[in-house]
Amino acid sequence: MDNENLEINSALQTIELLKQYKSAKNQNEKDGIFKQMDNIDGFANKLLIKFSPDELITKITKAISLDQYRPKNLPITLFAVNKDLNYVNGEFDTFDKELSQMFKNNENPENIRDKFQSGTKNLCMLAKQFTADWIKRFKNHKDLLELARNSTTDTAQDAYRKLFNALVEDFSKEYNCKIQLDVVRDWNELPDMFKAQKKGITSNAITTGLHIECLGYITNSNMSEEEKNKIREEYEKNLAKNNLDNYKISVIYINIEALRQLHPDQTDFFYHALADFVHEMHHALDYQNARQGALGSQIEHIDRTTYVDVSKNFNDNRASATERSSDKIAETLMKELKKSRLC
């Protein structure tokens, strides 16, 4: 997807402001530039205490050139001042030694969840970027979008199913994810295996969407039995080795009637349906391709281990890193949808 990269643009603006800062004639001018940098970036102006403007310009320029390797939970300005910047020559993940020790020592999950916040500093910027990306995807399916927007109680399930699955296909290609999605009218429509697994959640009146983490492999009807058996054998071999990252599959369900009960106004219902769908899709991204989301691999792994279902403890669930991330992205999208009226 050929999208405008908001974070790169922000970094380029910061470089221009640093150049202006260098040539500022007095403290008033410098203070004004400081304020602009704070609005654009939030990190660069603080780093001027430690680095000269020329040093920061050089480092940020280098970071931009290496952006393809940066995990997205690491803000580009902090990537620029990373001590290992000059040695980056491939993909890497952020790693917090203190968080690792807390996890190994089985510290209180509440303390671990508090610690997640220092590792997700880029959440606001990414929420803006993801929102811009989703708006562009919506525009690519204007016909399906209008069918969903104008759907009735009788036609909504089919209309939203078609729209969401078209968007799933686009998203999956971009992020190399495997996602299966369905729209239901009642949680009793879930397959028995998921119905039993998610009983506590689906009995909760506020539940409108589900993301279920699965492991498996995909075959199709065009494959010979020999090809299918080979895939099955490879999966079982990796299952024994506990090496299953390539077999992660997300199963998502959106309950269209639960959404309608919570948001009876047609426009409000439409926006919330889109936002709830996006919320669940970013759980899928966290699960399958964490370095492209706001969490990064380390936080995603620990968060999945300490995760608490909403049916068991509402506050602990909302403090989860993946829930905070998906909530922020959905909230940012909702604001943009209502402000722009693009959809």
C-alpha atoms as a PDB file:
ATOM      1  CA  MET A   1       0.000   0.000   0.000  1.00  0.00           C
ATOM      2  CA  ASP A   2       1.560   3.287  -1.125  1.00  0.00           C
ATOM      3  CA  ASN A   3       0.720   5.436   1.879  1.00  0.00           C
ATOM      4  CA  GLU A   4       1.943   8.724   3.253  1.00  0.00           C
ATOM      5  CA  ASN A   5       4.231   7.895   6.176  1.00  0.00           C
ATOM      6  CA  LEU A   6       3.257  10.327   8.934  1.00  0.00           C
ATOM      7  CA  GLU A   7       6.249   9.493  11.102  1.00  0.00           C
ATOM      8  CA  ILE A   8       8.784  10.039   8.302  1.00  0.00           C
ATOM      9  CA  ASN A   9       7.099  13.366   7.499  1.00  0.00           C
ATOM     10  CA  SER A  10       7.295  14.301  11.176  1.00  0.00           C
ATOM     11  CA  ALA A  11      11.020  13.455  11.223  1.00  0.00           C
ATOM     12  CA  LEU A  12      11.646  15.554   8.097  1.00  0.00           C
ATOM     13  CA  GLN A  13       9.804  18.499   9.679  1.00  0.00           C
ATOM     14  CA  THR A  14      11.929  18.079  12.812  1.00  0.00           C
ATOM     15  CA  ILE A  15      15.104  18.255  10.708  1.00  0.00           C
ATOM     16  CA  GLU A  16      13.888  21.532   9.157  1.00  0.00           C
ATOM     17  CA  LEU A  17      13.086  22.944  12.599  1.00  0.00           C
ATOM     18  CA  LEU A  18      16.528  21.924  13.879  1.00  0.00           C
ATOM     19  CA  LYS A  19      18.084  23.857  10.994  1.00  0.00           C
ATOM     20  CA  GLN A  20      15.977  26.873  11.954  1.00  0.00           C
ATOM     21  CA  TYR A  21      16.992  26.431  15.600  1.00  0.00           C
ATOM     22  CA  LYS A  22      20.666  26.597  14.605  1.00  0.00           C
ATOM     23  CA  SER A  23      20.199  29.983  12.945  1.00  0.00           C
ATOM     24  CA  ALA A  24      17.781  31.431  15.523  1.00  0.00           C
ATOM     25  CA  LYS A  25      18.834  34.980  16.531  1.00  0.00           C
ATOM     26  CA  ASN A  26      17.543  35.030  20.094  1.00  0.00           C
ATOM     27  CA  GLN A  27      16.005  32.926  22.855  1.00  0.00           C
ATOM     28  CA  ASN A  28      12.452  33.914  21.913  1.00  0.00           C
ATOM     29  CA  GLU A  29      12.942  32.431  18.447  1.00  0.00           C
ATOM     30  CA  LYS A  30      14.480  29.295  19.951  1.00  0.00           C
ATOM     31  CA  ASP A  31      11.556  28.932  22.379  1.00  0.00           C
ATOM     32  CA  GLY A  32       9.086  29.191  19.506  1.00  0.00           C
ATOM     33  CA  ILE A  33      10.927  26.488  17.541  1.00  0.00           C
ATOM     34  CA  PHE A  34      11.076  24.337  20.696  1.00  0.00           C
ATOM     35  CA  LYS A  35       7.292  24.561  20.951  1.00  0.00           C
ATOM     36  CA  GLN A  36       6.828  23.557  17.304  1.00  0.00           C
ATOM     37  CA  MET A  37       9.134  20.548  17.776  1.00  0.00           C
ATOM     38  CA  ASP A  38       7.184  19.515  20.846  1.00  0.00           C
ATOM     39  CA  ASN A  39       3.924  19.592  18.869  1.00  0.00           C
ATOM     40  CA  ILE A  40       5.380  17.613  15.966  1.00  0.00           C
ATOM     41  CA  ASP A  41       7.583  15.082  17.720  1.00  0.00           C
ATOM     42  CA  GLY A  42       7.662  15.323  21.515  1.00  0.00           C
ATOM     43  CA  PHE A  43      11.173  13.848  21.807  1.00  0.00           C
ATOM     44  CA  ALA A  44      13.574  15.969  19.723  1.00  0.00           C
ATOM     45  CA  ASN A  45      13.368  19.113  21.841  1.00  0.00           C
ATOM     46  CA  LYS A  46      14.275  17.111  24.979  1.00  0.00           C
ATOM     47  CA  LEU A  47      17.212  15.501  23.157  1.00  0.00           C
ATOM     48  CA  LEU A  48      18.727  18.931  22.445  1.00  0.00           C
ATOM     49  CA  ILE A  49      19.927  18.895  26.057  1.00  0.00           C
ATOM     50  CA  LYS A  50      22.227  15.981  25.175  1.00  0.00           C
ATOM     51  CA  PHE A  51      22.914  16.458  21.455  1.00  0.00           C
ATOM     52  CA  SER A  52      23.724  19.456  19.284  1.00  0.00           C
ATOM     53  CA  PRO A  53      21.314  20.352  16.448  1.00  0.00           C
ATOM     54  CA  ASP A  54      23.878  19.106  13.890  1.00  0.00           C
ATOM     55  CA  GLU A  55      24.239  15.779  15.692  1.00  0.00           C
ATOM     56  CA  LEU A  56      20.467  15.301  15.813  1.00  0.00           C
ATOM     57  CA  ILE A  57      20.067  16.219  12.142  1.00  0.00           C
ATOM     58  CA  THR A  58      22.711  13.607  11.206  1.00  0.00           C
ATOM     59  CA  LYS A  59      21.187  10.940  13.433  1.00  0.00           C
ATOM     60  CA  ILE A  60      17.581  11.507  12.323  1.00  0.00           C
ATOM     61  CA  THR A  61      18.645  11.509   8.667  1.00  0.00           C
ATOM     62  CA  LYS A  62      20.406   8.178   9.235  1.00  0.00           C
ATOM     63  CA  ALA A  63      17.352   6.776  11.046  1.00  0.00           C
ATOM     64  CA  ILE A  64      15.100   7.712   8.109  1.00  0.00           C
ATOM     65  CA  SER A  65      17.399   5.820   5.728  1.00  0.00           C
ATOM     66  CA  LEU A  66      17.134   2.714   7.944  1.00  0.00           C
ATOM     67  CA  ASP A  67      13.400   2.987   8.674  1.00  0.00           C
ATOM     68  CA  GLN A  68      12.573  -0.316   6.924  1.00  0.00           C
ATOM     69  CA  TYR A  69      14.340  -2.163   9.758  1.00  0.00           C
ATOM     70  CA  ARG A  70      12.747  -0.258  12.667  1.00  0.00           C
ATOM     71  CA  PRO A  71      10.104  -1.988  14.794  1.00  0.00           C
ATOM     72  CA  LYS A  72       7.138   0.390  14.811  1.00  0.00           C
ATOM     73  CA  ASN A  73       6.839   0.568  18.609  1.00  0.00           C
ATOM     74  CA  LEU A  74      10.160   2.463  18.605  1.00  0.00           C
ATOM     75  CA  PRO A  75       9.644   6.177  17.754  1.00  0.00           C
ATOM     76  CA  ILE A  76      11.924   7.217  14.898  1.00  0.00           C
ATOM     77  CA  THR A  77      13.590   9.978  16.961  1.00  0.00           C
ATOM     78  CA  LEU A  78      14.497   7.491  19.700  1.00  0.00           C
ATOM     79  CA  PHE A  79      15.699   5.101  17.008  1.00  0.00           C
ATOM     80  CA  ALA A  80      17.927   7.958  15.784  1.00  0.00           C
ATOM     81  CA  VAL A  81      19.716   8.285  19.150  1.00  0.00           C
ATOM     82  CA  ASN A  82      19.987   4.539  19.769  1.00  0.00           C
ATOM     83  CA  LYS A  83      23.599   3.637  20.502  1.00  0.00           C
ATOM     84  CA  ASP A  84      23.437   0.801  17.971  1.00  0.00           C
ATOM     85  CA  LEU A  85      22.086   2.891  15.083  1.00  0.00           C
ATOM     86  CA  ASN A  86      25.293   2.659  13.038  1.00  0.00           C
ATOM     87  CA  TYR A  87      25.297  -1.146  13.326  1.00  0.00           C
ATOM     88  CA  VAL A  88      21.729  -1.715  12.091  1.00  0.00           C
ATOM     89  CA  ASN A  89      21.757  -3.785   8.909  1.00  0.00           C
ATOM     90  CA  GLY A  90      18.593  -5.839   9.231  1.00  0.00           C
ATOM     91  CA  GLU A  91      15.331  -6.247  11.140  1.00  0.00           C
ATOM     92  CA  PHE A  92      15.520  -6.206  14.931  1.00  0.00           C
ATOM     93  CA  ASP A  93      13.146  -5.998  17.879  1.00  0.00           C
ATOM     94  CA  THR A  94      13.143  -3.686  20.889  1.00  0.00           C
ATOM     95  CA  PHE A  95      14.123  -5.356  24.164  1.00  0.00           C
ATOM     96  CA  ASP A  96      13.669  -4.104  27.720  1.00  0.00           C
ATOM     97  CA  LYS A  97      15.923  -5.930  30.213  1.00  0.00           C
ATOM     98  CA  GLU A  98      13.946  -4.695  33.232  1.00  0.00           C
ATOM     99  CA  LEU A  99      10.662  -5.953  31.762  1.00  0.00           C
ATOM    100  CA  SER A 100      12.309  -9.291  30.982  1.00  0.00           C
ATOM    101  CA  GLN A 101      13.446  -9.659  34.599  1.00  0.00           C
ATOM    102  CA  MET A 102      10.017  -8.720  35.931  1.00  0.00           C
ATOM    103  CA  PHE A 103       8.456 -11.413  33.749  1.00  0.00           C
ATOM    104  CA  LYS A 104      11.049 -14.068  34.693  1.00  0.00           C
ATOM    105  CA  ASN A 105      10.626 -13.273  38.400  1.00  0.00           C
ATOM    106  CA  ASN A 106       6.825 -13.608  38.155  1.00  0.00           C
ATOM    107  CA  GLU A 107       6.226 -10.103  39.456  1.00  0.00           C
ATOM    108  CA  ASN A 108       2.695  -8.840  40.001  1.00  0.00           C
ATOM    109  CA  PRO A 109       0.970  -8.701  36.571  1.00  0.00           C
ATOM    110  CA  GLU A 110      -0.315  -5.198  37.426  1.00  0.00           C
ATOM    111  CA  ASN A 111       3.276  -3.942  37.695  1.00  0.00           C
ATOM    112  CA  ILE A 112       4.180  -5.659  34.437  1.00  0.00           C
ATOM    113  CA  ARG A 113       1.197  -4.063  32.676  1.00  0.00           C
ATOM    114  CA  ASP A 114       2.247  -0.644  34.023  1.00  0.00           C
ATOM    115  CA  LYS A 115       5.713  -1.236  32.576  1.00  0.00           C
ATOM    116  CA  PHE A 116       4.224  -1.867  29.105  1.00  0.00           C
ATOM    117  CA  GLN A 117       3.469   1.843  28.788  1.00  0.00           C
ATOM    118  CA  SER A 118       7.155   2.801  28.600  1.00  0.00           C
ATOM    119  CA  GLY A 119       7.562   0.388  25.682  1.00  0.00           C
ATOM    120  CA  THR A 120       4.600   1.699  23.696  1.00  0.00           C
ATOM    121  CA  LYS A 121       5.588   5.363  23.433  1.00  0.00           C
ATOM    122  CA  ASN A 122       4.758   5.395  19.735  1.00  0.00           C
ATOM    123  CA  LEU A 123       1.095   4.458  20.189  1.00  0.00           C
ATOM    124  CA  CYS A 124      -0.384   7.921  19.479  1.00  0.00           C
ATOM    125  CA  MET A 125       1.641   8.393  16.305  1.00  0.00           C
ATOM    126  CA  LEU A 126       0.834   4.876  15.086  1.00  0.00           C
ATOM    127  CA  ALA A 127      -2.868   5.352  15.850  1.00  0.00           C
ATOM    128  CA  LYS A 128      -2.844   8.367  13.503  1.00  0.00           C
ATOM    129  CA  GLN A 129      -0.956   6.400  10.837  1.00  0.00           C
ATOM    130  CA  PHE A 130      -3.220   3.355  11.074  1.00  0.00           C
ATOM    131  CA  THR A 131      -6.287   5.608  10.938  1.00  0.00           C
ATOM    132  CA  ALA A 132      -5.038   7.268   7.735  1.00  0.00           C
ATOM    133  CA  ASP A 133      -4.347   3.813   6.269  1.00  0.00           C
ATOM    134  CA  TRP A 134      -7.822   2.510   7.147  1.00  0.00           C
ATOM    135  CA  ILE A 135      -9.518   5.558   5.641  1.00  0.00           C
ATOM    136  CA  LYS A 136      -7.684   4.832   2.375  1.00  0.00           C
ATOM    137  CA  ARG A 137      -8.730   1.183   2.467  1.00  0.00           C
ATOM    138  CA  PHE A 138     -12.360   2.194   3.063  1.00  0.00           C
ATOM    139  CA  LYS A 139     -12.204   4.494   0.024  1.00  0.00           C
ATOM    140  CA  ASN A 140     -11.046   1.551  -2.096  1.00  0.00           C
ATOM    141  CA  HIS A 141     -14.380  -0.191  -1.362  1.00  0.00           C
ATOM    142  CA  LYS A 142     -16.864   2.679  -1.668  1.00  0.00           C
ATOM    143  CA  ASP A 143     -19.654   0.489  -3.073  1.00  0.00           C
ATOM    144  CA  LEU A 144     -19.420  -2.038  -0.246  1.00  0.00           C
ATOM    145  CA  LEU A 145     -19.081   0.799   2.264  1.00  0.00           C
ATOM    146  CA  GLU A 146     -22.312   2.405   1.063  1.00  0.00           C
ATOM    147  CA  LEU A 147     -24.136  -0.940   1.112  1.00  0.00           C
ATOM    148  CA  ALA A 148     -23.110  -1.391   4.746  1.00  0.00           C
ATOM    149  CA  ARG A 149     -23.966   2.180   5.698  1.00  0.00           C
ATOM    150  CA  ASN A 150     -27.462   1.937   4.164  1.00  0.00           C
ATOM    151  CA  SER A 151     -28.167  -1.634   5.263  1.00  0.00           C
ATOM    152  CA  THR A 152     -31.288  -2.592   7.209  1.00  0.00           C
ATOM    153  CA  THR A 153     -31.638  -5.000  10.109  1.00  0.00           C
ATOM    154  CA  ASP A 154     -32.297  -7.764   7.569  1.00  0.00           C
ATOM    155  CA  THR A 155     -29.407  -6.950   5.199  1.00  0.00           C
ATOM    156  CA  ALA A 156     -26.708  -5.749   7.650  1.00  0.00           C
ATOM    157  CA  GLN A 157     -25.136  -9.137   8.325  1.00  0.00           C
ATOM    158  CA  ASP A 158     -24.469  -9.853   4.657  1.00  0.00           C
ATOM    159  CA  ALA A 159     -23.453  -6.257   3.836  1.00  0.00           C
ATOM    160  CA  TYR A 160     -20.919  -5.967   6.644  1.00  0.00           C
ATOM    161  CA  ARG A 161     -19.623  -9.489   6.013  1.00  0.00           C
ATOM    162  CA  LYS A 162     -18.794  -8.562   2.398  1.00  0.00           C
ATOM    163  CA  LEU A 163     -17.220  -5.229   3.364  1.00  0.00           C
ATOM    164  CA  PHE A 164     -15.131  -6.618   6.212  1.00  0.00           C
ATOM    165  CA  ASN A 165     -13.857  -9.599   4.226  1.00  0.00           C
ATOM    166  CA  ALA A 166     -12.747  -7.320   1.378  1.00  0.00           C
ATOM    167  CA  LEU A 167     -10.846  -5.218   3.924  1.00  0.00           C
ATOM    168  CA  VAL A 168      -9.399  -8.353   5.560  1.00  0.00           C
ATOM    169  CA  GLU A 169      -8.006  -9.425   2.198  1.00  0.00           C
ATOM    170  CA  ASP A 170      -6.290  -6.042   1.672  1.00  0.00           C
ATOM    171  CA  PHE A 171      -4.891  -5.922   5.215  1.00  0.00           C
ATOM    172  CA  SER A 172      -3.664  -9.533   5.127  1.00  0.00           C
ATOM    173  CA  LYS A 173      -1.700  -8.932   1.940  1.00  0.00           C
ATOM    174  CA  GLU A 174      -0.062  -5.830   3.394  1.00  0.00           C
ATOM    175  CA  TYR A 175       0.944  -7.365   6.700  1.00  0.00           C
ATOM    176  CA  ASN A 176       1.361 -11.023   5.738  1.00  0.00           C
ATOM    177  CA  CYS A 177      -1.374 -12.191   8.126  1.00  0.00           C
ATOM    178  CA  LYS A 178      -3.809 -15.106   8.003  1.00  0.00           C
ATOM    179  CA  ILE A 179      -7.248 -13.906   9.115  1.00  0.00           C
ATOM    180  CA  GLN A 180     -10.656 -15.542   8.933  1.00  0.00           C
ATOM    181  CA  LEU A 181     -13.632 -13.270   9.694  1.00  0.00           C
ATOM    182  CA  ASP A 182     -17.366 -13.691  10.022  1.00  0.00           C
ATOM    183  CA  VAL A 183     -20.240 -11.425  11.034  1.00  0.00           C
ATOM    184  CA  VAL A 184     -22.848 -12.969  13.338  1.00  0.00           C
ATOM    185  CA  ARG A 185     -26.171 -11.786  14.690  1.00  0.00           C
ATOM    186  CA  ASP A 186     -25.973 -13.812  17.894  1.00  0.00           C
ATOM    187  CA  TRP A 187     -23.061 -15.351  19.799  1.00  0.00           C
ATOM    188  CA  ASN A 188     -24.888 -18.687  19.630  1.00  0.00           C
ATOM    189  CA  GLU A 189     -23.858 -18.764  15.957  1.00  0.00           C
ATOM    190  CA  LEU A 190     -20.234 -19.380  16.978  1.00  0.00           C
ATOM    191  CA  PRO A 191     -18.842 -22.857  16.248  1.00  0.00           C
ATOM    192  CA  ASP A 192     -19.114 -25.102  19.316  1.00  0.00           C
ATOM    193  CA  MET A 193     -15.342 -25.143  19.898  1.00  0.00           C
ATOM    194  CA  PHE A 194     -15.266 -21.341  20.231  1.00  0.00           C
ATOM    195  CA  LYS A 195     -18.613 -21.108  22.008  1.00  0.00           C
ATOM    196  CA  ALA A 196     -17.270 -23.148  24.912  1.00  0.00           C
ATOM    197  CA  GLN A 197     -13.906 -21.365  24.915  1.00  0.00           C
ATOM    198  CA  LYS A 198     -15.441 -17.871  24.961  1.00  0.00           C
ATOM    199  CA  LYS A 199     -18.537 -18.509  27.088  1.00  0.00           C
ATOM    200  CA  GLY A 200     -17.644 -15.914  29.731  1.00  0.00           C
ATOM    201  CA  ILE A 201     -16.963 -13.195  27.170  1.00  0.00           C
ATOM    202  CA  THR A 202     -19.945 -13.737  24.891  1.00  0.00           C
ATOM    203  CA  SER A 203     -22.347 -13.660  27.826  1.00  0.00           C
ATOM    204  CA  ASN A 204     -21.096 -10.123  28.571  1.00  0.00           C
ATOM    205  CA  ALA A 205     -23.429  -7.435  27.211  1.00  0.00           C
ATOM    206  CA  ILE A 206     -20.581  -5.151  26.113  1.00  0.00           C
ATOM    207  CA  THR A 207     -18.891  -7.726  23.860  1.00  0.00           C
ATOM    208  CA  THR A 208     -19.354  -6.832  20.195  1.00  0.00           C
ATOM    209  CA  GLY A 209     -16.246  -8.410  18.692  1.00  0.00           C
ATOM    210  CA  LEU A 210     -13.901 -11.325  19.290  1.00  0.00           C
ATOM    211  CA  HIS A 211     -10.352 -12.095  18.197  1.00  0.00           C
ATOM    212  CA  ILE A 212      -9.393 -15.730  18.707  1.00  0.00           C
ATOM    213  CA  GLU A 213      -5.746 -16.829  18.464  1.00  0.00           C
ATOM    214  CA  CYS A 214      -5.367 -20.102  16.588  1.00  0.00           C
ATOM    215  CA  LEU A 215      -2.654 -22.326  15.190  1.00  0.00           C
ATOM    216  CA  GLY A 216      -3.099 -24.273  11.984  1.00  0.00           C
ATOM    217  CA  TYR A 217      -2.339 -24.633   8.311  1.00  0.00           C
ATOM    218  CA  ILE A 218      -4.237 -23.802   5.153  1.00  0.00           C
ATOM    219  CA  THR A 219      -4.903 -26.042   2.149  1.00  0.00           C
ATOM    220  CA  ASN A 220      -7.201 -25.560  -0.813  1.00  0.00           C
ATOM    221  CA  SER A 221      -9.277 -27.731  -3.129  1.00  0.00           C
ATOM    222  CA  ASN A 222      -6.798 -27.364  -6.003  1.00  0.00           C
ATOM    223  CA  MET A 223      -4.091 -29.206  -4.069  1.00  0.00           C
ATOM    224  CA  SER A 224      -3.441 -32.896  -4.547  1.00  0.00           C
ATOM    225  CA  GLU A 225      -3.681 -35.219  -1.542  1.00  0.00           C
ATOM    226  CA  GLU A 226       0.102 -35.533  -1.686  1.00  0.00           C
ATOM    227  CA  GLU A 227       0.526 -31.744  -1.371  1.00  0.00           C
ATOM    228  CA  LYS A 228      -1.983 -31.581   1.479  1.00  0.00           C
ATOM    229  CA  ASN A 229      -0.225 -34.415   3.334  1.00  0.00           C
ATOM    230  CA  LYS A 230       3.127 -32.673   2.933  1.00  0.00           C
ATOM    231  CA  ILE A 231       1.755 -29.468   4.501  1.00  0.00           C
ATOM    232  CA  ARG A 232       0.145 -31.483   7.305  1.00  0.00           C
ATOM    233  CA  GLU A 233       3.394 -33.360   8.020  1.00  0.00           C
ATOM    234  CA  GLU A 234       5.396 -30.133   8.079  1.00  0.00           C
ATOM    235  CA  TYR A 235       2.911 -28.617  10.525  1.00  0.00           C
ATOM    236  CA  GLU A 236       3.070 -31.648  12.840  1.00  0.00           C
ATOM    237  CA  LYS A 237       6.859 -31.606  12.699  1.00  0.00           C
ATOM    238  CA  ASN A 238       6.927 -27.950  13.745  1.00  0.00           C
ATOM    239  CA  LEU A 239       4.246 -28.600  16.354  1.00  0.00           C
ATOM    240  CA  ALA A 240       6.585 -31.103  18.018  1.00  0.00           C
ATOM    241  CA  LYS A 241       9.410 -28.530  17.956  1.00  0.00           C
ATOM    242  CA  ASN A 242       7.124 -25.757  19.300  1.00  0.00           C
ATOM    243  CA  ASN A 243       8.114 -23.712  16.258  1.00  0.00           C
ATOM    244  CA  LEU A 244       4.769 -22.383  15.082  1.00  0.00           C
ATOM    245  CA  ASP A 245       5.062 -18.683  14.284  1.00  0.00           C
ATOM    246  CA  ASN A 246       4.338 -19.347  10.603  1.00  0.00           C
ATOM    247  CA  TYR A 247       1.107 -21.159  11.514  1.00  0.00           C
ATOM    248  CA  LYS A 248      -0.606 -18.374  13.454  1.00  0.00           C
ATOM    249  CA  ILE A 249      -4.179 -17.748  12.304  1.00  0.00           C
ATOM    250  CA  SER A 250      -6.610 -15.150  13.653  1.00  0.00           C
ATOM    251  CA  VAL A 251     -10.330 -15.875  13.748  1.00  0.00           C
ATOM    252  CA  ILE A 252     -12.458 -12.737  14.166  1.00  0.00           C
ATOM    253  CA  TYR A 253     -16.188 -12.440  14.835  1.00  0.00           C
ATOM    254  CA  ILE A 254     -18.221  -9.224  14.841  1.00  0.00           C
ATOM    255  CA  ASN A 255     -21.674  -9.361  16.448  1.00  0.00           C
ATOM    256  CA  ILE A 256     -23.750  -6.957  14.383  1.00  0.00           C
ATOM    257  CA  GLU A 257     -26.865  -7.121  16.575  1.00  0.00           C
ATOM    258  CA  ALA A 258     -24.918  -6.523  19.786  1.00  0.00           C
ATOM    259  CA  LEU A 259     -23.489  -3.427  18.099  1.00  0.00           C
ATOM    260  CA  ARG A 260     -26.957  -2.250  17.039  1.00  0.00           C
ATOM    261  CA  GLN A 261     -28.335  -2.623  20.569  1.00  0.00           C
ATOM    262  CA  LEU A 262     -25.509  -0.481  21.958  1.00  0.00           C
ATOM    263  CA  HIS A 263     -25.668   2.086  19.124  1.00  0.00           C
ATOM    264  CA  PRO A 264     -29.223   2.292  17.719  1.00  0.00           C
ATOM    265  CA  ASP A 265     -28.626   5.484  15.719  1.00  0.00           C
ATOM    266  CA  GLN A 266     -27.823   4.379  12.133  1.00  0.00           C
ATOM    267  CA  THR A 267     -24.777   6.651  11.639  1.00  0.00           C
ATOM    268  CA  ASP A 268     -23.428   5.935  15.104  1.00  0.00           C
ATOM    269  CA  PHE A 269     -23.916   2.203  14.485  1.00  0.00           C
ATOM    270  CA  PHE A 270     -22.025   2.439  11.160  1.00  0.00           C
ATOM    271  CA  TYR A 271     -19.010   4.227  12.681  1.00  0.00           C
ATOM    272  CA  HIS A 272     -18.862   1.888  15.672  1.00  0.00           C
ATOM    273  CA  ALA A 273     -19.071  -1.168  13.404  1.00  0.00           C
ATOM    274  CA  LEU A 274     -16.024   0.076  11.460  1.00  0.00           C
ATOM    275  CA  ALA A 275     -14.143   0.967  14.653  1.00  0.00           C
ATOM    276  CA  ASP A 276     -14.900  -2.375  16.334  1.00  0.00           C
ATOM    277  CA  PHE A 277     -13.780  -4.232  13.219  1.00  0.00           C
ATOM    278  CA  VAL A 278     -10.505  -2.259  13.181  1.00  0.00           C
ATOM    279  CA  HIS A 279     -10.052  -2.906  16.922  1.00  0.00           C
ATOM    280  CA  GLU A 280     -10.163  -6.682  16.351  1.00  0.00           C
ATOM    281  CA  MET A 281      -7.954  -6.467  13.239  1.00  0.00           C
ATOM    282  CA  HIS A 282      -5.187  -4.862  15.271  1.00  0.00           C
ATOM    283  CA  HIS A 283      -5.352  -7.717  17.768  1.00  0.00           C
ATOM    284  CA  ALA A 284      -4.619  -9.924  14.759  1.00  0.00           C
ATOM    285  CA  LEU A 285      -1.664  -7.726  13.770  1.00  0.00           C
ATOM    286  CA  ASP A 286      -0.287  -7.830  17.331  1.00  0.00           C
ATOM    287  CA  TYR A 287      -0.621 -11.624  17.402  1.00  0.00           C
ATOM    288  CA  GLN A 288       0.850 -12.358  13.985  1.00  0.00           C
ATOM    289  CA  ASN A 289       3.212  -9.475  13.160  1.00  0.00           C
ATOM    290  CA  ALA A 290       3.903  -7.649  16.422  1.00  0.00           C
ATOM    291  CA  ARG A 291       6.867  -5.574  15.180  1.00  0.00           C
ATOM    292  CA  GLN A 292       4.517  -3.801  12.731  1.00  0.00           C
ATOM    293  CA  GLY A 293       2.125  -2.797  15.510  1.00  0.00           C
ATOM    294  CA  ALA A 294       2.475  -0.622  18.592  1.00  0.00           C
ATOM    295  CA  LEU A 295       3.681  -3.388  20.940  1.00  0.00           C
ATOM    296  CA  GLY A 296       6.764  -5.036  19.494  1.00  0.00           C
ATOM    297  CA  SER A 297       7.539  -8.728  19.922  1.00  0.00           C
ATOM    298  CA  GLN A 298       8.652  -8.742  23.576  1.00  0.00           C
ATOM    299  CA  ILE A 299       5.636  -6.869  24.928  1.00  0.00           C
ATOM    300  CA  GLU A 300       3.218  -8.862  22.744  1.00  0.00           C
ATOM    301  CA  HIS A 301       4.585 -12.164  24.091  1.00  0.00           C
ATOM    302  CA  ILE A 302       4.460 -11.093  27.748  1.00  0.00           C
ATOM    303  CA  ASP A 303       1.075  -9.405  27.308  1.00  0.00           C
ATOM    304  CA  ARG A 304      -0.405 -12.598  25.852  1.00  0.00           C
ATOM    305  CA  THR A 305       0.871 -14.499  28.907  1.00  0.00           C
ATOM    306  CA  THR A 306      -0.544 -12.010  31.443  1.00  0.00           C
ATOM    307  CA  TYR A 307      -3.764 -11.296  29.494  1.00  0.00           C
ATOM    308  CA  VAL A 308      -7.027 -11.437  31.474  1.00  0.00           C
ATOM    309  CA  ASP A 309     -10.418 -11.922  29.748  1.00  0.00           C
ATOM    310  CA  VAL A 310     -12.871  -9.068  30.229  1.00  0.00           C
ATOM    311  CA  SER A 311     -15.366 -11.523  31.771  1.00  0.00           C
ATOM    312  CA  LYS A 312     -12.913 -12.190  34.618  1.00  0.00           C
ATOM    313  CA  ASN A 313     -11.623  -8.699  35.383  1.00  0.00           C
ATOM    314  CA  PHE A 314     -12.617  -5.626  33.380  1.00  0.00           C
ATOM    315  CA  ASN A 315      -9.822  -3.325  34.619  1.00  0.00           C
ATOM    316  CA  ASP A 316      -7.036  -5.879  34.105  1.00  0.00           C
ATOM    317  CA  ASN A 317      -8.350  -6.564  30.614  1.00  0.00           C
ATOM    318  CA  ARG A 318      -8.356  -2.862  29.661  1.00  0.00           C
ATOM    319  CA  ALA A 319      -4.792  -2.496  31.010  1.00  0.00           C
ATOM    320  CA  SER A 320      -3.527  -5.145  28.591  1.00  0.00           C
ATOM    321  CA  ALA A 321      -1.079  -3.759  26.021  1.00  0.00           C
ATOM    322  CA  THR A 322      -3.005  -5.127  23.032  1.00  0.00           C
ATOM    323  CA  GLU A 323      -6.325  -3.801  24.388  1.00  0.00           C
ATOM    324  CA  ARG A 324      -4.845  -0.346  25.056  1.00  0.00           C
ATOM    325  CA  SER A 325      -3.388  -0.312  21.559  1.00  0.00           C
ATOM    326  CA  SER A 326      -6.570  -1.454  19.795  1.00  0.00           C
ATOM    327  CA  ASP A 327      -8.689   0.929  21.910  1.00  0.00           C
ATOM    328  CA  LYS A 328      -6.480   3.893  20.977  1.00  0.00           C
ATOM    329  CA  ILE A 329      -6.524   3.040  17.261  1.00  0.00           C
ATOM    330  CA  ALA A 330     -10.312   2.551  17.236  1.00  0.00           C
ATOM    331  CA  GLU A 331     -10.838   5.794  19.211  1.00  0.00           C
ATOM    332  CA  THR A 332      -8.607   7.757  16.802  1.00  0.00           C
ATOM    333  CA  LEU A 333     -10.441   6.272  13.816  1.00  0.00           C
ATOM    334  CA  MET A 334     -13.842   7.169  15.295  1.00  0.00           C
ATOM    335  CA  LYS A 335     -12.798  10.795  15.765  1.00  0.00           C
ATOM    336  CA  GLU A 336     -11.536  11.001  12.180  1.00  0.00           C
ATOM    337  CA  LEU A 337     -14.674   9.399  10.734  1.00  0.00           C
ATOM    338  CA  LYS A 338     -16.934  11.836  12.570  1.00  0.00           C
ATOM    339  CA  LYS A 339     -14.740  14.855  11.779  1.00  0.00           C
ATOM    340  CA  SER A 340     -14.090  14.206   8.095  1.00  0.00           C
ATOM    341  CA  ARG A 341     -17.386  12.555   7.081  1.00  0.00           C
ATOM    342  CA  LEU A 342     -15.327  10.789   4.427  1.00  0.00           C
ATOM    343  CA  CYS A 343     -17.281   7.577   4.811  1.00  0.00           C
END
